[in-house]
Amino acid sequence: MADVLNFVSGLLWGHVLIYLLIAAGLFFTLRLGFIQFLKFPYMVKVMANSRSGADKGISSFQAFCTSLAARVGTGNMAGVAVALYLGGAGAIFWMWLIALIGMATSFAESALAQLYKTKDEDGNFRGGPAYYMEYGLGKRWMGVIFSLCLILAFGLVFNAVQANSIAAAFEVAFDVPKSVMGVILVVGSAFIIFGGLKTISRFAELVVPFMALAYLLVALYICATNYDLLPSVFKQIIYSAFGIEQAGAGAIGYAVMQAMIQGIKRGLFSNEAGMGSAANAAATATPNPNHPVSQGYVQMLGVFVDTIVICSATAALILLSNQLVPESGVTGIALTQAALVEHVGSWGATFIAIAILFFAFTSIVANYSYAETNLMFLEHNHKHGMMLFRLCVLGMVMFGAVGELGVIWTMADVSMGLMAIVNVVALFMLSGFVVWLYKDYNQQLKAGKTPVFDANLHPKMKKTLPKGVWHK
C-alpha cells in the first residue's frame, strides 16, 4: 500500500500539480491586476470591519478564523520541518512563492463560494467548490467528485495527520502514551463537532488569534536574540532554492526539484490556496460589505498570515538552530521541538506540545466542518449518514494518534492533490465570473458607494445562482 501511495503521490506532485497550481496562481494574479500586492492595504481594512454584518449568523471574521483554524496546524509546525528535512532550506522559498501567487487563487475560490452559497435547514449558509461546480458550471458530477475527495482528505486523512502530531508532541514532552492522547482527542473533538457549525465558528474565533499570537511572540524572541544570523539564514534559503549551494557537487537539478516539490506540497498543505477547502468556510459568512468580493479579500489575507508569517516563524526556529541534520532521522514535530529546546531550554518541548495541541485540535474541528458541508451536498442533510460520518471522523482521529507518520502523510498528499486538480479546473472555467465580480466591486468603490452585490446587473450569472440568497 505504501509503495502504491508513494507512486501516485510522486506522479501527482512531480508531473501535474506543481505546474497546475503555479499556472492558476499566475493566471488569477494577472487577470485580477496583481490584487494581492496592490490591494493589500484594502485587504487589511476589510478584515478590520469583518466582525460586523453577521446578522446573528456567522461573521466574516468567524469564517476567517474557521479557515485559519484549518490552515494553521500541523502544516505550520510539523509540515515546515518535513519540508526542510526532505527539501532543504530552499523549500521555504517555494512555500513563500506558492503562497504569494496562491493568494489570488484563494480570492477567486472564496468569492465564488460566497456567490453560490445556499441556506440549510438550520438557517446556516453552506457552500464551496462542490456548490459552484453544480450551480455555476451545471456539473453536479464534478461537485460529487470534489466532495468525495474533500471528505476523504479533510474529514478523515488530515484529521489523522493532526492527531498524529499532537500525540507525538505529547509523548516527547510529557511521556503521555499515544493511545491515551488519542482517547483525549476523540472526546474533545466529539464535544465540538456535535455542537454544530456555529459552535465550531465561535470556538475558532476564540482560540485561533490567541494561539497564533503566542507562537509568533516566541518566534520573534528567537529571531531577536539571533538577529546577527538572520542574513545568513535568508541567504541559505535563496541559495538552496536555486541550487547555488549544490552547483559544485553536480546535483543542482535534483536539489532544486526536491526543494520545489517539498516547498509547494507542504505550502499547499498549510495554506490550502487552490485546494478548495477554505472556500467552504468562506461560504458560511455574511460579509461586510455584503458582496462576494469582501470575503475573497478576507480569505486571501488568511493565506498570507498562514505561510508568510507563521510558517516563516517555524522555519526561522529550525534554521537558526543546529538541529536540521538529515542523517539524524529527526523530522516532523520532533524537529521543531528539538530546535526550540536548543533556543530556550527544556520548556521549549512543552511549549511546542501545547501549541500543537491548540493548532492541530482547532484544525480537526474546522476540517470536520468542511467535510460536513460536502456530506450535506451529497446527502442533503441525511441525519443517520451524518451520525455515521461523525463516528468515522472520531475513529480516524484515534487511528492518527497511534498510526505511522509516513503512510499518513502520503495519504494526505494524494487526497489533497486530487482535490486541487478538480477545483483548479473549475476555477479556470468560472474565471470570467470572478473578474466580473471584482470589477463590479471596484466600480462601486470608485463611485463612493458601499459595494453591494446585485445579481440583476449580470443576467447570465443570475441564471446560475441557487434560489434564496442573492435573488432579491
Protein backbone atom coordinates (compact mmCIF):
# COMPACT_ATOMS: atom_id res chain seq x y z
CA MET A 1 0.00 0.00 0.00
CA ALA A 2 2.81 2.39 0.89
CA ASP A 3 4.52 1.76 -2.47
CA VAL A 4 1.29 2.44 -4.39
CA LEU A 5 0.61 5.65 -2.44
CA ASN A 6 4.17 6.87 -2.99
CA PHE A 7 3.91 6.20 -6.73
CA VAL A 8 0.60 8.08 -7.06
CA SER A 9 1.84 10.95 -4.89
CA GLY A 10 5.02 11.25 -6.97
CA LEU A 11 3.01 11.24 -10.20
CA LEU A 12 0.59 13.92 -8.99
CA TRP A 13 3.14 16.24 -7.45
CA GLY A 14 6.06 15.64 -9.77
CA HIS A 15 4.23 15.93 -13.09
CA VAL A 16 0.85 17.66 -12.60
CA LEU A 17 0.15 19.79 -9.55
CA ILE A 18 3.26 21.93 -9.35
CA TYR A 19 2.63 23.28 -12.84
CA LEU A 20 -1.15 23.47 -12.43
CA LEU A 21 -1.06 25.41 -9.15
CA ILE A 22 1.59 27.84 -10.31
CA ALA A 23 -0.32 28.35 -13.56
CA ALA A 24 -3.55 29.03 -11.65
CA GLY A 25 -1.85 31.48 -9.28
CA LEU A 26 -0.20 33.37 -12.12
CA PHE A 27 -3.41 33.33 -14.19
CA PHE A 28 -5.53 34.94 -11.45
CA THR A 29 -2.71 37.27 -10.40
CA LEU A 30 -2.60 38.66 -13.95
CA ARG A 31 -6.37 38.69 -14.59
CA LEU A 32 -7.04 40.47 -11.28
CA GLY A 33 -4.25 43.00 -11.77
CA PHE A 34 -1.84 41.78 -9.05
CA ILE A 35 -4.60 42.09 -6.49
CA GLN A 36 -2.63 40.52 -3.62
CA PHE A 37 0.06 43.21 -3.86
CA LEU A 38 -1.78 46.36 -4.96
CA LYS A 39 -4.85 45.80 -2.75
CA PHE A 40 -3.05 44.62 0.37
CA PRO A 41 -3.87 47.76 2.44
CA TYR A 42 -7.54 47.49 1.46
CA MET A 43 -7.47 43.80 2.34
CA VAL A 44 -6.47 44.73 5.88
CA LYS A 45 -9.22 47.38 6.01
CA VAL A 46 -11.89 44.84 5.07
CA MET A 47 -10.54 42.49 7.74
CA ALA A 48 -10.82 45.28 10.33
CA ASN A 49 -14.57 45.53 9.64
CA SER A 50 -15.15 41.80 9.34
CA ARG A 51 -16.68 41.23 12.79
CA SER A 52 -19.84 43.13 11.87
CA GLY A 53 -22.57 42.26 9.42
CA ALA A 54 -23.31 38.72 10.60
CA ASP A 55 -26.98 39.37 11.47
CA LYS A 56 -26.98 36.60 14.15
CA GLY A 57 -25.20 34.31 11.71
CA ILE A 58 -21.50 33.79 11.10
CA SER A 59 -19.39 36.92 10.56
CA SER A 60 -16.59 37.25 8.02
CA PHE A 61 -14.11 37.21 10.90
CA GLN A 62 -15.54 33.97 12.30
CA ALA A 63 -15.36 32.38 8.85
CA PHE A 64 -11.78 33.67 8.53
CA CYS A 65 -10.88 32.13 11.91
CA THR A 66 -12.51 28.84 10.94
CA SER A 67 -10.46 28.67 7.74
CA LEU A 68 -7.34 29.78 9.60
CA ALA A 69 -8.01 27.11 12.23
CA ALA A 70 -7.90 24.52 9.45
CA ARG A 71 -4.85 26.12 7.85
CA VAL A 72 -2.81 26.80 10.98
CA GLY A 73 -1.94 23.41 12.38
CA THR A 74 0.37 20.55 11.65
CA GLY A 75 1.41 22.09 8.32
CA ASN A 76 2.88 25.13 10.05
CA MET A 77 4.91 23.27 12.65
CA ALA A 78 5.44 19.66 11.52
CA GLY A 79 4.94 20.32 7.79
CA VAL A 80 7.61 23.03 7.63
CA ALA A 81 10.00 20.70 9.45
CA VAL A 82 9.28 17.91 6.95
CA ALA A 83 9.83 20.30 4.02
CA LEU A 84 13.19 21.40 5.44
CA TYR A 85 14.24 17.83 6.20
CA LEU A 86 13.42 16.49 2.72
CA GLY A 87 13.91 19.58 0.55
CA GLY A 88 16.47 21.67 2.41
CA ALA A 89 16.28 25.37 3.25
CA GLY A 90 15.26 26.20 -0.33
CA ALA A 91 11.86 24.61 0.26
CA ILE A 92 10.92 27.70 2.29
CA PHE A 93 11.38 29.96 -0.74
CA TRP A 94 8.95 27.82 -2.74
CA MET A 95 6.49 27.89 0.16
CA TRP A 96 6.63 31.69 0.05
CA LEU A 97 6.20 31.78 -3.73
CA ILE A 98 3.21 29.42 -3.84
CA ALA A 99 1.59 31.45 -1.03
CA LEU A 100 2.08 34.84 -2.71
CA ILE A 101 0.70 33.78 -6.08
CA GLY A 102 -1.81 31.48 -4.40
CA MET A 103 -3.41 34.44 -2.63
CA ALA A 104 -5.05 35.37 -5.94
CA THR A 105 -6.35 31.81 -6.37
CA SER A 106 -7.72 31.90 -2.83
CA PHE A 107 -9.53 35.15 -3.64
CA ALA A 108 -11.16 33.54 -6.68
CA GLU A 109 -12.38 30.38 -4.93
CA SER A 110 -13.65 32.29 -1.87
CA ALA A 111 -15.57 34.86 -3.93
CA LEU A 112 -17.17 32.07 -5.96
CA ALA A 113 -18.07 30.18 -2.79
CA GLN A 114 -19.88 33.27 -1.50
CA LEU A 115 -21.62 33.76 -4.84
CA TYR A 116 -23.02 30.21 -4.93
CA LYS A 117 -23.77 29.67 -1.23
CA THR A 118 -27.09 28.18 -0.12
CA LYS A 119 -29.05 28.01 3.15
CA ASP A 120 -29.52 24.75 5.03
CA GLU A 121 -32.50 23.69 7.17
CA ASP A 122 -30.99 25.31 10.27
CA GLY A 123 -30.58 28.70 8.58
CA ASN A 124 -26.79 28.39 8.13
CA PHE A 125 -25.08 29.29 4.87
CA ARG A 126 -23.29 26.40 3.16
CA GLY A 127 -21.17 26.39 0.06
CA GLY A 128 -17.81 25.73 -1.53
CA PRO A 129 -16.36 24.31 -4.73
CA ALA A 130 -18.91 21.47 -4.96
CA TYR A 131 -21.68 24.08 -4.99
CA TYR A 132 -20.13 26.35 -7.62
CA MET A 133 -19.43 23.29 -9.74
CA GLU A 134 -23.09 22.24 -9.58
CA TYR A 135 -24.69 25.68 -9.97
CA GLY A 136 -22.06 27.73 -11.79
CA LEU A 137 -20.95 25.03 -14.21
CA GLY A 138 -24.07 22.86 -14.15
CA LYS A 139 -21.86 19.84 -13.46
CA ARG A 140 -23.06 18.12 -10.30
CA TRP A 141 -20.93 15.07 -11.14
CA MET A 142 -17.86 17.28 -10.82
CA GLY A 143 -19.06 18.53 -7.43
CA VAL A 144 -19.61 14.94 -6.32
CA ILE A 145 -16.02 14.01 -7.23
CA PHE A 146 -14.69 17.05 -5.36
CA SER A 147 -16.87 16.33 -2.31
CA LEU A 148 -15.70 12.74 -2.10
CA CYS A 149 -12.05 13.86 -2.32
CA LEU A 150 -12.59 16.53 0.34
CA ILE A 151 -14.41 14.17 2.70
CA LEU A 152 -11.54 11.69 2.36
CA ALA A 153 -8.87 14.37 2.75
CA PHE A 154 -10.27 16.68 5.41
CA GLY A 155 -12.82 14.58 7.20
CA LEU A 156 -10.58 11.54 7.51
CA VAL A 157 -6.92 11.71 6.43
CA PHE A 158 -5.99 15.26 7.52
CA ASN A 159 -7.56 14.71 10.93
CA ALA A 160 -5.36 11.64 11.32
CA VAL A 161 -2.34 13.82 10.44
CA GLN A 162 -3.28 16.44 13.05
CA ALA A 163 -3.87 13.80 15.74
CA ASN A 164 -0.56 12.15 14.89
CA SER A 165 1.38 15.37 15.51
CA ILE A 166 -0.40 16.10 18.79
CA ALA A 167 0.22 12.57 20.10
CA ALA A 168 3.88 12.62 19.03
CA ALA A 169 4.48 16.02 20.66
CA PHE A 170 2.89 15.00 23.96
CA GLU A 171 4.84 11.75 24.02
CA VAL A 172 8.10 13.73 23.71
CA ALA A 173 7.15 16.49 26.17
CA PHE A 174 5.16 14.63 28.83
CA ASP A 175 5.73 10.92 28.09
CA VAL A 176 1.98 10.50 27.51
CA PRO A 177 1.24 7.26 25.58
CA LYS A 178 -0.15 7.93 22.11
CA SER A 179 -3.19 5.75 22.79
CA VAL A 180 -4.11 7.82 25.84
CA MET A 181 -3.71 11.05 23.89
CA GLY A 182 -5.87 9.57 21.15
CA VAL A 183 -8.75 8.96 23.57
CA ILE A 184 -8.48 12.51 24.93
CA LEU A 185 -8.59 13.94 21.39
CA VAL A 186 -11.60 11.81 20.45
CA VAL A 187 -13.56 13.05 23.48
CA GLY A 188 -12.63 16.70 22.88
CA SER A 189 -13.40 16.50 19.15
CA ALA A 190 -16.77 14.87 19.78
CA PHE A 191 -17.77 17.67 22.16
CA ILE A 192 -17.16 20.33 19.49
CA ILE A 193 -18.33 18.63 16.28
CA PHE A 194 -21.65 17.51 17.76
CA GLY A 195 -22.29 21.17 18.66
CA GLY A 196 -22.79 22.21 15.02
CA LEU A 197 -21.38 24.81 12.63
CA LYS A 198 -21.89 27.88 14.84
CA THR A 199 -20.18 26.17 17.79
CA ILE A 200 -17.16 25.43 15.60
CA SER A 201 -17.04 29.07 14.38
CA ARG A 202 -17.26 30.51 17.91
CA PHE A 203 -14.59 28.11 19.16
CA ALA A 204 -12.25 29.08 16.30
CA GLU A 205 -12.87 32.81 16.86
CA LEU A 206 -11.76 32.49 20.49
CA VAL A 207 -8.80 30.14 20.16
CA VAL A 208 -7.10 30.92 16.83
CA PRO A 209 -5.97 34.56 17.44
CA PHE A 210 -4.65 33.67 20.90
CA MET A 211 -2.64 30.64 19.82
CA ALA A 212 -1.19 32.31 16.72
CA LEU A 213 -0.06 35.38 18.69
CA ALA A 214 1.62 33.30 21.42
CA TYR A 215 3.56 31.24 18.89
CA LEU A 216 4.64 34.32 16.93
CA LEU A 217 5.86 36.09 20.06
CA VAL A 218 8.14 33.16 20.90
CA ALA A 219 9.44 33.06 17.31
CA LEU A 220 10.08 36.83 17.33
CA TYR A 221 12.04 36.46 20.57
CA ILE A 222 14.22 33.77 18.96
CA CYS A 223 14.80 35.96 15.89
CA ALA A 224 15.62 39.00 18.05
CA THR A 225 18.18 37.10 20.12
CA ASN A 226 19.79 35.70 16.94
CA TYR A 227 19.39 38.78 14.73
CA ASP A 228 23.02 38.60 13.58
CA LEU A 229 22.36 35.18 12.00
CA LEU A 230 19.21 36.19 10.08
CA PRO A 231 21.02 37.44 6.93
CA SER A 232 22.87 34.12 6.60
CA VAL A 233 19.61 32.19 7.06
CA PHE A 234 17.92 34.20 4.32
CA LYS A 235 20.95 33.68 2.07
CA GLN A 236 20.81 29.94 2.77
CA ILE A 237 17.13 29.82 1.73
CA ILE A 238 17.73 31.66 -1.58
CA TYR A 239 20.90 29.78 -2.49
CA SER A 240 19.35 26.41 -1.72
CA ALA A 241 16.16 27.25 -3.66
CA PHE A 242 18.11 27.74 -6.88
CA GLY A 243 20.76 25.08 -6.31
CA ILE A 244 23.64 27.53 -5.89
CA GLU A 245 24.99 25.63 -2.88
CA GLN A 246 24.82 22.31 -4.75
CA ALA A 247 26.22 23.55 -8.07
CA GLY A 248 29.72 22.40 -7.30
CA ALA A 249 28.52 18.93 -6.38
CA GLY A 250 26.76 18.40 -9.72
CA ALA A 251 23.38 17.80 -8.04
CA ILE A 252 21.75 21.11 -8.86
CA GLY A 253 18.81 19.72 -10.85
CA TYR A 254 17.77 17.14 -8.29
CA ALA A 255 18.27 19.51 -5.34
CA VAL A 256 16.18 22.28 -6.87
CA MET A 257 13.39 19.86 -7.82
CA GLN A 258 13.30 18.39 -4.31
CA ALA A 259 13.17 21.85 -2.75
CA MET A 260 10.43 22.90 -5.17
CA ILE A 261 8.30 19.78 -4.69
CA GLN A 262 8.58 19.75 -0.91
CA GLY A 263 8.04 23.51 -0.59
CA ILE A 264 4.95 23.52 -2.79
CA LYS A 265 3.49 20.33 -1.26
CA ARG A 266 3.92 21.49 2.32
CA GLY A 267 2.98 25.08 1.38
CA LEU A 268 -0.29 23.94 -0.15
CA PHE A 269 -0.99 21.60 2.77
CA SER A 270 -0.57 24.58 5.09
CA ASN A 271 -2.26 27.49 3.26
CA GLU A 272 -4.67 25.42 1.09
CA ALA A 273 -4.73 28.04 -1.71
CA GLY A 274 -6.35 26.48 -4.76
CA MET A 275 -7.30 23.32 -2.92
CA GLY A 276 -10.89 24.48 -2.44
CA SER A 277 -11.06 23.75 1.27
CA ALA A 278 -11.04 27.26 2.74
CA ALA A 279 -13.78 28.20 0.28
CA ASN A 280 -16.15 26.04 2.35
CA ALA A 281 -15.58 28.36 5.32
CA ALA A 282 -15.83 31.46 3.13
CA ALA A 283 -19.34 30.47 2.06
CA THR A 284 -20.66 30.38 5.64
CA ALA A 285 -20.25 34.11 6.27
CA THR A 286 -22.44 37.16 5.84
CA PRO A 287 -19.71 39.56 4.62
CA ASN A 288 -19.34 43.28 5.24
CA PRO A 289 -19.74 44.92 2.70
CA ASN A 290 -22.39 42.46 1.53
CA HIS A 291 -20.66 41.39 -1.66
CA PRO A 292 -18.85 38.11 -2.53
CA VAL A 293 -15.61 40.00 -3.14
CA SER A 294 -15.46 41.12 0.51
CA GLN A 295 -14.99 37.56 1.68
CA GLY A 296 -12.47 36.99 -1.08
CA TYR A 297 -10.32 39.76 0.43
CA VAL A 298 -10.66 38.33 3.94
CA GLN A 299 -9.74 34.78 2.94
CA MET A 300 -6.83 36.00 0.82
CA LEU A 301 -5.27 37.53 3.92
CA GLY A 302 -5.51 34.12 5.59
CA VAL A 303 -3.02 32.65 3.09
CA PHE A 304 -0.56 35.45 3.89
CA VAL A 305 -0.86 35.00 7.65
CA ASP A 306 -0.55 31.24 7.44
CA THR A 307 2.51 30.90 5.23
CA ILE A 308 4.38 34.20 5.05
CA VAL A 309 4.01 34.83 8.79
CA ILE A 310 3.50 31.59 10.74
CA CYS A 311 5.36 29.10 8.51
CA SER A 312 8.27 31.54 8.31
CA ALA A 313 8.35 31.66 12.09
CA THR A 314 8.78 27.87 12.26
CA ALA A 315 11.44 27.94 9.54
CA ALA A 316 13.38 30.57 11.50
CA LEU A 317 13.24 28.47 14.69
CA ILE A 318 14.71 25.47 12.88
CA LEU A 319 17.25 27.19 10.62
CA LEU A 320 18.61 29.28 13.50
CA SER A 321 19.33 26.06 15.39
CA ASN A 322 21.72 23.18 14.71
CA GLN A 323 19.01 20.50 14.66
CA LEU A 324 18.46 20.15 10.90
CA VAL A 325 20.64 17.09 10.29
CA PRO A 326 19.23 14.76 7.59
CA GLU A 327 21.33 11.82 8.82
CA SER A 328 19.74 12.06 12.28
CA GLY A 329 16.29 10.95 11.13
CA VAL A 330 14.66 13.63 13.32
CA THR A 331 11.84 15.29 11.40
CA GLY A 332 8.24 16.45 11.80
CA ILE A 333 7.10 17.91 15.10
CA ALA A 334 10.08 16.34 16.91
CA LEU A 335 12.46 18.52 14.84
CA THR A 336 10.55 21.69 15.72
CA GLN A 337 10.60 20.71 19.40
CA ALA A 338 14.33 19.98 19.32
CA ALA A 339 15.03 23.35 17.69
CA LEU A 340 13.09 25.30 20.30
CA VAL A 341 14.70 23.33 23.14
CA GLU A 342 18.10 24.40 21.79
CA HIS A 343 17.00 28.05 21.85
CA VAL A 344 15.15 28.31 25.17
CA GLY A 345 15.81 25.15 27.16
CA SER A 346 13.66 22.18 28.15
CA TRP A 347 10.43 24.18 28.40
CA GLY A 348 10.56 24.56 24.61
CA ALA A 349 9.35 20.99 24.10
CA THR A 350 6.44 21.64 26.46
CA PHE A 351 5.53 24.88 24.69
CA ILE A 352 5.51 23.19 21.27
CA ALA A 353 3.38 20.35 22.61
CA ILE A 354 0.81 22.81 23.96
CA ALA A 355 0.96 24.96 20.81
CA ILE A 356 0.45 21.98 18.51
CA LEU A 357 -2.44 20.84 20.72
CA PHE A 358 -4.24 24.14 20.08
CA PHE A 359 -3.13 24.44 16.45
CA ALA A 360 -3.96 20.89 15.43
CA PHE A 361 -7.08 20.46 17.56
CA THR A 362 -8.72 23.52 16.01
CA SER A 363 -7.70 22.12 12.63
CA ILE A 364 -9.53 18.88 13.42
CA VAL A 365 -12.82 20.62 14.20
CA ALA A 366 -12.50 23.04 11.24
CA ASN A 367 -11.62 20.18 8.89
CA TYR A 368 -14.72 18.38 10.09
CA SER A 369 -16.90 21.40 9.28
CA TYR A 370 -15.61 21.35 5.68
CA ALA A 371 -16.37 17.66 5.35
CA GLU A 372 -19.84 18.10 6.88
CA THR A 373 -20.73 20.75 4.30
CA ASN A 374 -19.72 18.43 1.48
CA LEU A 375 -21.53 15.47 3.00
CA MET A 376 -24.66 17.62 3.05
CA PHE A 377 -24.03 18.40 -0.63
CA LEU A 378 -24.07 14.66 -1.33
CA GLU A 379 -26.85 13.57 1.03
CA HIS A 380 -28.91 16.74 1.63
CA ASN A 381 -28.70 16.53 5.43
CA HIS A 382 -29.32 12.83 5.94
CA LYS A 383 -29.29 12.55 9.76
CA HIS A 384 -28.22 8.91 10.02
CA GLY A 385 -25.49 9.38 7.43
CA MET A 386 -24.19 12.42 9.34
CA MET A 387 -24.04 10.45 12.59
CA LEU A 388 -22.13 7.60 10.94
CA PHE A 389 -19.69 10.06 9.37
CA ARG A 390 -19.01 11.75 12.72
CA LEU A 391 -18.15 8.38 14.22
CA CYS A 392 -15.80 7.67 11.29
CA VAL A 393 -14.07 11.03 11.85
CA LEU A 394 -13.52 10.22 15.52
CA GLY A 395 -12.19 6.80 14.51
CA MET A 396 -9.63 8.42 12.18
CA VAL A 397 -8.55 10.76 14.98
CA MET A 398 -7.79 7.71 17.10
CA PHE A 399 -6.06 5.95 14.19
CA GLY A 400 -3.90 9.00 13.51
CA ALA A 401 -2.79 9.26 17.13
CA VAL A 402 -1.31 5.75 17.11
CA GLY A 403 -0.56 5.31 13.36
CA GLU A 404 2.70 5.54 11.40
CA LEU A 405 3.65 9.04 10.20
CA GLY A 406 4.97 8.30 6.71
CA VAL A 407 1.89 6.48 5.39
CA ILE A 408 -0.47 9.11 6.83
CA TRP A 409 1.43 11.99 5.22
CA THR A 410 1.42 10.22 1.85
CA MET A 411 -2.34 9.59 2.08
CA ALA A 412 -2.77 13.30 2.78
CA ASP A 413 -0.66 14.25 -0.24
CA VAL A 414 -2.67 12.04 -2.62
CA SER A 415 -6.13 13.12 -1.46
CA MET A 416 -5.07 16.78 -1.36
CA GLY A 417 -3.70 16.53 -4.89
CA LEU A 418 -6.90 15.06 -6.32
CA MET A 419 -8.96 17.81 -4.65
CA ALA A 420 -6.76 20.54 -6.04
CA ILE A 421 -6.91 19.26 -9.62
CA VAL A 422 -10.72 19.18 -9.71
CA ASN A 423 -11.01 22.59 -8.05
CA VAL A 424 -8.48 24.40 -10.22
CA VAL A 425 -10.15 23.14 -13.40
CA ALA A 426 -13.47 24.59 -12.13
CA LEU A 427 -11.79 27.90 -11.25
CA PHE A 428 -10.44 28.29 -14.76
CA MET A 429 -13.90 27.60 -16.19
CA LEU A 430 -15.55 30.19 -13.91
CA SER A 431 -12.78 32.81 -14.11
CA GLY A 432 -14.98 35.18 -16.14
CA PHE A 433 -17.44 35.48 -13.25
CA VAL A 434 -14.56 36.14 -10.82
CA VAL A 435 -13.29 39.01 -12.95
CA TRP A 436 -16.79 40.49 -13.30
CA LEU A 437 -17.33 40.37 -9.51
CA TYR A 438 -14.01 42.11 -8.92
CA LYS A 439 -14.73 44.86 -11.46
CA ASP A 440 -18.26 45.38 -10.11
CA TYR A 441 -16.92 45.81 -6.57
CA ASN A 442 -14.20 48.27 -7.63
CA GLN A 443 -16.59 50.35 -9.76
CA GLN A 444 -18.86 50.85 -6.75
CA LEU A 445 -15.89 51.81 -4.58
CA LYS A 446 -14.70 54.36 -7.13
CA ALA A 447 -18.22 55.85 -7.24
CA GLY A 448 -18.04 56.39 -3.48
CA LYS A 449 -20.58 53.68 -2.71
CA THR A 450 -20.52 50.81 -0.25
CA PRO A 451 -20.34 47.78 -2.56
CA VAL A 452 -23.50 45.65 -2.63
CA PHE A 453 -23.98 42.67 -4.92
CA ASP A 454 -26.90 42.94 -7.35
CA ALA A 455 -27.37 39.81 -9.46
CA ASN A 456 -29.68 41.69 -11.85
CA LEU A 457 -26.68 43.53 -13.30
CA HIS A 458 -25.39 40.27 -14.73
CA PRO A 459 -28.31 38.23 -16.17
CA LYS A 460 -26.08 35.39 -17.37
CA MET A 461 -24.65 34.94 -13.87
CA LYS A 462 -28.07 35.32 -12.23
CA LYS A 463 -29.45 32.32 -14.13
CA THR A 464 -26.85 30.08 -12.49
CA LEU A 465 -27.39 31.21 -8.89
CA PRO A 466 -29.20 28.98 -6.36
CA LYS A 467 -32.52 30.42 -5.18
CA GLY A 468 -32.97 32.21 -1.90
CA VAL A 469 -29.68 34.01 -1.19
CA TRP A 470 -28.80 36.69 -3.76
CA HIS A 471 -32.17 36.84 -5.53
CA LYS A 472 -33.84 39.96 -4.16
